[in-house]
Amino acid sequence: MSGGYDTERWQKIHRIRRDEAHRAVGHYVFAFADLVSEMRGAIEYVLSGENPEADRMNARLAMGAAFAEQITNAFFAICERQAELDDEETQVAIRLKKEVKDAIADRNDFAHGDWLSLSPAGQGPTLSRMKPGRRAGAYIEQVRSVEEIDAMAWSVGELSETISEFAEACLGVHQMELRTGTAVRVRDIFRFRNHQVLRIGRYADVEWWKDDEELAEPS
């Protein structure tokens, strides 16, 4: 009896861990899709004449088959051209582009690698992938705990929010600017400090959604 009970218990634990692994990987995929969608949407807005009411179907057809890296390169090139970024804003863009490229690399591993929902040692989901030509060796194997995958997904989600606001500032459609008429540049929201993009610009904490008379001009 005890042997059967142990087998049933092990199967139940395995199912729970498998389902958690599937959920966590799905969490990352959804977060990454949202990131790419933000960049693609900004490109489509510009290609449609920067008119929020314009029919974007032609732009969507043009971008529909683009890969994530192509979308990324086009997005940052358009933002730089539209906003005429200064030196610090350019550093913000360079850093954000690197973070997006890192997310793309992780997504490629997630999508094209082979997964085991539970490693042989019982440590968590295991990802393996062959990368011919890789200097450190073609074969990679990584144990990714559910907690780590979730943390990666939350991080990509935060990056997506940053990319969205960066695009709004570059394209002149930041919500504060639309609501109050105050011009908003990238540096007004984001600053580059110690190799990081920080949301500490002079307008970063302005509560633009309040009534105009409640808005105070930052010193």
Protein backbone atom coordinates (compact mmCIF):
# COMPACT_ATOMS: atom_id res chain seq x y z
CA MET A 1 0.00 0.00 0.00
CA SER A 2 2.71 2.46 0.92
CA GLY A 3 4.47 1.95 -2.43
CA GLY A 4 1.30 2.80 -4.32
CA TYR A 5 0.70 5.82 -2.12
CA ASP A 6 4.26 7.05 -2.69
CA THR A 7 3.86 6.67 -6.45
CA GLU A 8 0.57 8.55 -6.43
CA ARG A 9 2.05 11.28 -4.25
CA TRP A 10 5.08 11.62 -6.53
CA GLN A 11 2.84 11.85 -9.61
CA LYS A 12 0.76 14.55 -7.95
CA ILE A 13 3.85 16.56 -7.03
CA HIS A 14 5.20 16.14 -10.55
CA ARG A 15 1.93 17.40 -12.06
CA ILE A 16 1.94 20.45 -9.79
CA ARG A 17 5.55 21.27 -10.65
CA ARG A 18 4.91 20.72 -14.35
CA ASP A 19 1.87 22.98 -14.30
CA GLU A 20 3.81 25.67 -12.43
CA ALA A 21 6.61 25.45 -14.97
CA HIS A 22 4.13 25.82 -17.83
CA ARG A 23 2.49 28.78 -16.12
CA ALA A 24 5.80 30.55 -15.49
CA VAL A 25 7.04 30.09 -19.07
CA GLY A 26 3.66 31.32 -20.31
CA HIS A 27 4.01 34.35 -18.02
CA TYR A 28 7.33 35.19 -19.68
CA VAL A 29 5.95 34.69 -23.20
CA PHE A 30 3.03 37.04 -22.52
CA ALA A 31 5.32 39.68 -21.00
CA PHE A 32 7.70 39.50 -23.96
CA ALA A 33 4.84 39.72 -26.46
CA ASP A 34 3.64 42.89 -24.73
CA LEU A 35 7.14 44.40 -24.99
CA VAL A 36 7.33 43.77 -28.73
CA SER A 37 3.76 45.02 -29.16
CA GLU A 38 4.67 48.36 -27.54
CA MET A 39 7.56 48.89 -29.95
CA ARG A 40 5.62 47.74 -33.01
CA GLY A 41 2.69 50.00 -32.07
CA ALA A 42 4.98 53.03 -31.89
CA ILE A 43 6.41 52.25 -35.32
CA GLU A 44 2.93 51.81 -36.80
CA TYR A 45 1.89 55.16 -35.32
CA VAL A 46 4.76 56.95 -37.06
CA LEU A 47 4.24 55.07 -40.36
CA SER A 48 0.57 56.08 -40.27
CA GLY A 49 1.44 59.77 -40.25
CA GLU A 50 1.43 60.23 -36.46
CA ASN A 51 -2.34 60.45 -36.54
CA PRO A 52 -4.04 58.46 -33.76
CA GLU A 53 -7.22 58.33 -35.84
CA ALA A 54 -5.50 57.10 -39.01
CA ASP A 55 -6.10 53.68 -40.49
CA ARG A 56 -3.01 51.70 -39.50
CA MET A 57 -3.71 48.60 -41.60
CA ASN A 58 -0.96 49.30 -44.17
CA ALA A 59 1.56 49.89 -41.37
CA ARG A 60 0.44 46.70 -39.64
CA LEU A 61 0.80 44.76 -42.89
CA ALA A 62 4.31 46.18 -43.33
CA MET A 63 5.32 45.22 -39.79
CA GLY A 64 3.40 41.98 -39.52
CA ALA A 65 6.23 39.65 -40.54
CA ALA A 66 9.05 41.55 -38.81
CA PHE A 67 11.14 39.69 -36.25
CA ALA A 68 11.59 41.03 -32.73
CA GLU A 69 15.15 42.22 -33.44
CA GLN A 70 14.07 44.00 -36.63
CA ILE A 71 11.28 45.72 -34.73
CA THR A 72 13.75 46.72 -32.01
CA ASN A 73 16.24 48.24 -34.45
CA ALA A 74 13.51 50.15 -36.28
CA PHE A 75 11.91 51.34 -33.05
CA PHE A 76 15.06 52.88 -31.59
CA ALA A 77 16.15 54.38 -34.93
CA ILE A 78 12.75 56.06 -35.34
CA CYS A 79 12.70 57.30 -31.74
CA GLU A 80 16.18 58.78 -32.11
CA ARG A 81 15.23 60.51 -35.36
CA GLN A 82 11.91 61.85 -34.11
CA ALA A 83 13.19 63.14 -30.77
CA GLU A 84 16.66 64.42 -31.73
CA LEU A 85 18.07 62.94 -28.54
CA ASP A 86 20.83 64.74 -26.65
CA ASP A 87 23.89 62.91 -25.32
CA GLU A 88 22.31 61.64 -22.10
CA GLU A 89 19.06 60.71 -23.81
CA THR A 90 21.11 58.76 -26.35
CA GLN A 91 22.69 56.83 -23.47
CA VAL A 92 19.18 56.09 -22.17
CA ALA A 93 18.23 54.74 -25.60
CA ILE A 94 21.41 52.65 -25.88
CA ARG A 95 20.84 51.09 -22.46
CA LEU A 96 17.17 50.35 -23.14
CA LYS A 97 18.06 48.81 -26.48
CA LYS A 98 20.57 46.52 -24.75
CA GLU A 99 17.94 45.45 -22.22
CA VAL A 100 15.50 44.68 -25.03
CA LYS A 101 18.15 42.70 -26.92
CA ASP A 102 18.89 40.73 -23.73
CA ALA A 103 15.19 39.94 -23.41
CA ILE A 104 15.13 38.79 -27.04
CA ALA A 105 18.05 36.44 -26.37
CA ASP A 106 16.21 34.96 -23.38
CA ARG A 107 13.01 34.62 -25.41
CA ASN A 108 14.90 32.84 -28.19
CA ASP A 109 16.28 30.36 -25.68
CA PHE A 110 12.83 29.84 -24.18
CA ALA A 111 11.19 29.37 -27.58
CA HIS A 112 13.83 27.31 -29.37
CA GLY A 113 15.36 25.32 -26.53
CA ASP A 114 14.27 21.95 -25.15
CA TRP A 115 12.52 21.99 -21.79
CA LEU A 116 12.19 19.48 -19.00
CA SER A 117 9.54 20.56 -16.52
CA LEU A 118 11.62 19.03 -13.72
CA SER A 119 15.37 18.54 -13.77
CA PRO A 120 16.70 15.04 -13.03
CA ALA A 121 17.93 16.37 -9.68
CA GLY A 122 14.47 17.79 -8.94
CA GLN A 123 15.70 21.38 -8.92
CA GLY A 124 13.19 22.88 -11.32
CA PRO A 125 12.53 23.37 -15.05
CA THR A 126 15.61 22.72 -17.18
CA LEU A 127 16.33 24.37 -20.51
CA SER A 128 18.86 22.95 -22.96
CA ARG A 129 19.82 24.28 -26.35
CA MET A 130 22.41 23.77 -29.07
CA LYS A 131 24.10 26.93 -30.35
CA PRO A 132 26.64 26.00 -33.04
CA GLY A 133 29.53 28.45 -33.19
CA ARG A 134 29.17 29.59 -29.59
CA ARG A 135 32.62 30.35 -28.14
CA ALA A 136 31.90 28.80 -24.77
CA GLY A 137 30.61 25.61 -26.41
CA ALA A 138 27.61 24.71 -28.53
CA TYR A 139 25.58 23.02 -25.79
CA ILE A 140 24.01 24.98 -22.97
CA GLU A 141 21.90 23.69 -20.11
CA GLN A 142 20.27 25.90 -17.50
CA VAL A 143 18.11 25.08 -14.52
CA ARG A 144 15.49 27.84 -14.29
CA SER A 145 13.40 27.76 -11.17
CA VAL A 146 9.78 28.82 -11.43
CA GLU A 147 10.60 31.77 -9.17
CA GLU A 148 13.43 32.86 -11.49
CA ILE A 149 11.24 32.62 -14.61
CA ASP A 150 8.52 34.64 -12.90
CA ALA A 151 11.08 37.27 -11.87
CA MET A 152 12.32 37.46 -15.46
CA ALA A 153 8.75 37.94 -16.67
CA TRP A 154 8.08 40.74 -14.16
CA SER A 155 11.33 42.40 -15.22
CA VAL A 156 10.30 42.29 -18.89
CA GLY A 157 6.92 43.69 -17.89
CA GLU A 158 8.61 46.65 -16.21
CA LEU A 159 10.82 47.12 -19.28
CA SER A 160 7.69 47.17 -21.44
CA GLU A 161 6.24 50.01 -19.34
CA THR A 162 9.51 51.93 -19.62
CA ILE A 163 9.64 51.42 -23.39
CA SER A 164 6.05 52.66 -23.69
CA GLU A 165 6.79 55.89 -21.82
CA PHE A 166 10.11 56.35 -23.64
CA ALA A 167 8.26 56.10 -26.96
CA GLU A 168 5.60 58.57 -25.84
CA ALA A 169 8.30 61.11 -24.92
CA CYS A 170 10.16 60.58 -28.20
CA LEU A 171 7.04 60.88 -30.35
CA GLY A 172 5.57 63.88 -28.54
CA VAL A 173 2.55 62.01 -27.22
CA HIS A 174 3.43 61.63 -23.56
CA GLN A 175 0.23 61.72 -21.55
CA MET A 176 1.42 64.69 -19.51
CA GLU A 177 2.13 66.66 -22.69
CA LEU A 178 -1.26 65.83 -24.17
CA ARG A 179 -3.06 66.73 -20.95
CA THR A 180 -1.21 69.88 -19.92
CA GLY A 181 0.51 71.14 -23.06
CA THR A 182 3.90 70.95 -21.33
CA ALA A 183 6.57 69.62 -23.69
CA VAL A 184 8.10 66.40 -22.36
CA ARG A 185 11.50 65.12 -23.45
CA VAL A 186 13.07 61.78 -22.57
CA ARG A 187 15.36 63.42 -19.99
CA ASP A 188 12.31 64.91 -18.26
CA ILE A 189 11.30 61.37 -17.31
CA PHE A 190 14.42 59.19 -17.53
CA ARG A 191 18.04 59.87 -16.60
CA PHE A 192 21.13 57.76 -17.15
CA ARG A 193 23.06 57.12 -13.95
CA ASN A 194 25.71 54.46 -13.18
CA HIS A 195 24.91 52.50 -16.34
CA GLN A 196 21.23 52.39 -15.43
CA VAL A 197 18.09 54.05 -16.73
CA LEU A 198 16.33 55.64 -13.77
CA ARG A 199 12.91 57.26 -13.73
CA ILE A 200 14.08 60.36 -11.86
CA GLY A 201 13.59 63.17 -14.39
CA ARG A 202 11.99 66.46 -13.35
CA TYR A 203 8.54 65.36 -14.53
CA ALA A 204 8.81 61.73 -13.44
CA ASP A 205 6.65 62.20 -10.36
CA VAL A 206 4.30 64.90 -11.62
CA GLU A 207 0.70 63.74 -11.17
CA TRP A 208 -0.36 64.85 -14.64
CA TRP A 209 -3.67 63.04 -14.41
CA LYS A 210 -4.98 65.55 -11.85
CA ASP A 211 -6.86 68.71 -12.81
CA ASP A 212 -4.68 71.41 -14.36
CA GLU A 213 -4.97 73.76 -11.38
CA GLU A 214 -3.61 71.04 -9.11
CA LEU A 215 -0.46 70.58 -11.19
CA ALA A 216 2.61 72.22 -9.74
CA GLU A 217 5.60 73.05 -11.92
CA PRO A 218 8.60 71.13 -10.57
CA SER A 219 11.51 73.29 -9.44
